[in-house]
Amino acid sequence: MKTFLTSFTTTIEQRLSNPLVGSFVLSWVVINIKTIISIVSLSGQARVQYLNTLQFDCFTDALFPMVGALIYMLLVPFIQRRLDNIKY
């Protein structure tokens, strides 16, 4: 069981260290923060009922986070390079 848990956590760390996946997760959390807060704040049967009412929305669940991740991945290195040029 310990080997499985170690393997599982290593796999998750490797996947999240991918810049696209990490940026997508961050962007998805920012876009869906109200849903996350609602899920965390509810308990028991209310949480189950709330989760049953959720529907997949292509825009807020996939498209907007992907666009945000791509903008983040393309814009941050550009800004960092500009700041390095100004600083040095």
Protein backbone atom coordinates (compact mmCIF):
# COMPACT_ATOMS: atom_id res chain seq x y z
CA MET A 1 0.00 0.00 0.00
CA LYS A 2 2.87 2.37 0.83
CA THR A 3 4.47 1.72 -2.58
CA PHE A 4 1.18 2.47 -4.33
CA LEU A 5 0.73 5.72 -2.40
CA THR A 6 4.29 6.82 -3.18
CA SER A 7 3.84 5.98 -6.85
CA PHE A 8 0.51 7.79 -6.95
CA THR A 9 1.87 10.99 -5.37
CA THR A 10 4.92 10.95 -7.66
CA THR A 11 2.68 10.68 -10.72
CA ILE A 12 0.48 13.55 -9.53
CA GLU A 13 3.56 15.73 -8.85
CA GLN A 14 4.94 15.02 -12.33
CA ARG A 15 1.67 15.88 -14.04
CA LEU A 16 1.18 19.10 -12.09
CA SER A 17 4.76 20.17 -12.76
CA ASN A 18 3.88 20.36 -16.45
CA PRO A 19 3.46 24.11 -17.09
CA LEU A 20 0.29 23.70 -19.16
CA VAL A 21 -1.44 21.48 -16.60
CA GLY A 22 -0.43 23.64 -13.67
CA SER A 23 -1.55 26.82 -15.46
CA PHE A 24 -4.83 25.18 -16.45
CA VAL A 25 -5.56 24.07 -12.88
CA LEU A 26 -4.74 27.54 -11.53
CA SER A 27 -6.91 29.21 -14.17
CA TRP A 28 -9.79 26.77 -13.57
CA VAL A 29 -9.67 27.44 -9.82
CA VAL A 30 -9.71 31.21 -10.36
CA ILE A 31 -12.65 31.02 -12.76
CA ASN A 32 -14.64 28.54 -10.63
CA ILE A 33 -13.82 29.88 -7.16
CA LYS A 34 -17.49 30.43 -6.24
CA THR A 35 -18.29 26.79 -6.95
CA ILE A 36 -15.29 25.61 -4.95
CA ILE A 37 -16.23 27.79 -1.97
CA SER A 38 -19.81 26.51 -2.13
CA ILE A 39 -18.67 22.89 -2.16
CA VAL A 40 -16.26 23.40 0.72
CA SER A 41 -18.73 25.36 2.86
CA LEU A 42 -21.62 22.92 2.51
CA SER A 43 -21.73 19.65 4.38
CA GLY A 44 -23.44 16.31 4.14
CA GLN A 45 -26.64 16.05 2.16
CA ALA A 46 -26.58 19.72 1.10
CA ARG A 47 -23.20 19.16 -0.57
CA VAL A 48 -24.47 16.09 -2.40
CA GLN A 49 -27.54 17.95 -3.62
CA TYR A 50 -25.41 20.88 -4.78
CA LEU A 51 -23.02 18.58 -6.63
CA ASN A 52 -25.98 16.88 -8.33
CA THR A 53 -27.18 20.25 -9.67
CA LEU A 54 -23.84 21.13 -11.29
CA GLN A 55 -23.67 20.86 -15.07
CA PHE A 56 -20.60 20.81 -17.32
CA ASP A 57 -20.23 24.15 -19.07
CA CYS A 58 -17.82 24.09 -21.98
CA PHE A 59 -16.83 27.71 -21.51
CA THR A 60 -16.22 27.94 -17.75
CA ASP A 61 -14.95 24.38 -17.35
CA ALA A 62 -12.69 24.03 -20.37
CA LEU A 63 -12.38 26.90 -22.83
CA PHE A 64 -11.81 29.88 -20.52
CA PRO A 65 -9.32 28.04 -18.28
CA MET A 66 -7.40 26.84 -21.36
CA VAL A 67 -7.25 30.37 -22.79
CA GLY A 68 -6.16 31.67 -19.38
CA ALA A 69 -3.46 29.01 -19.15
CA LEU A 70 -2.13 29.79 -22.61
CA ILE A 71 -2.13 33.54 -21.93
CA TYR A 72 -0.32 32.91 -18.65
CA MET A 73 2.25 30.66 -20.30
CA LEU A 74 2.91 33.13 -23.12
CA LEU A 75 2.61 36.41 -21.25
CA VAL A 76 4.57 35.72 -18.06
CA PRO A 77 7.88 34.88 -19.79
CA PHE A 78 7.52 37.99 -21.96
CA ILE A 79 6.90 40.21 -18.92
CA GLN A 80 9.75 38.54 -17.03
CA ARG A 81 12.14 39.14 -19.92
CA ARG A 82 11.08 42.81 -20.12
CA LEU A 83 11.59 43.26 -16.38
CA ASP A 84 15.03 41.62 -16.58
CA ASN A 85 15.99 43.98 -19.41
CA ILE A 86 14.86 46.98 -17.38
CA LYS A 87 16.55 45.76 -14.20
CA TYR A 88 19.90 44.90 -15.81
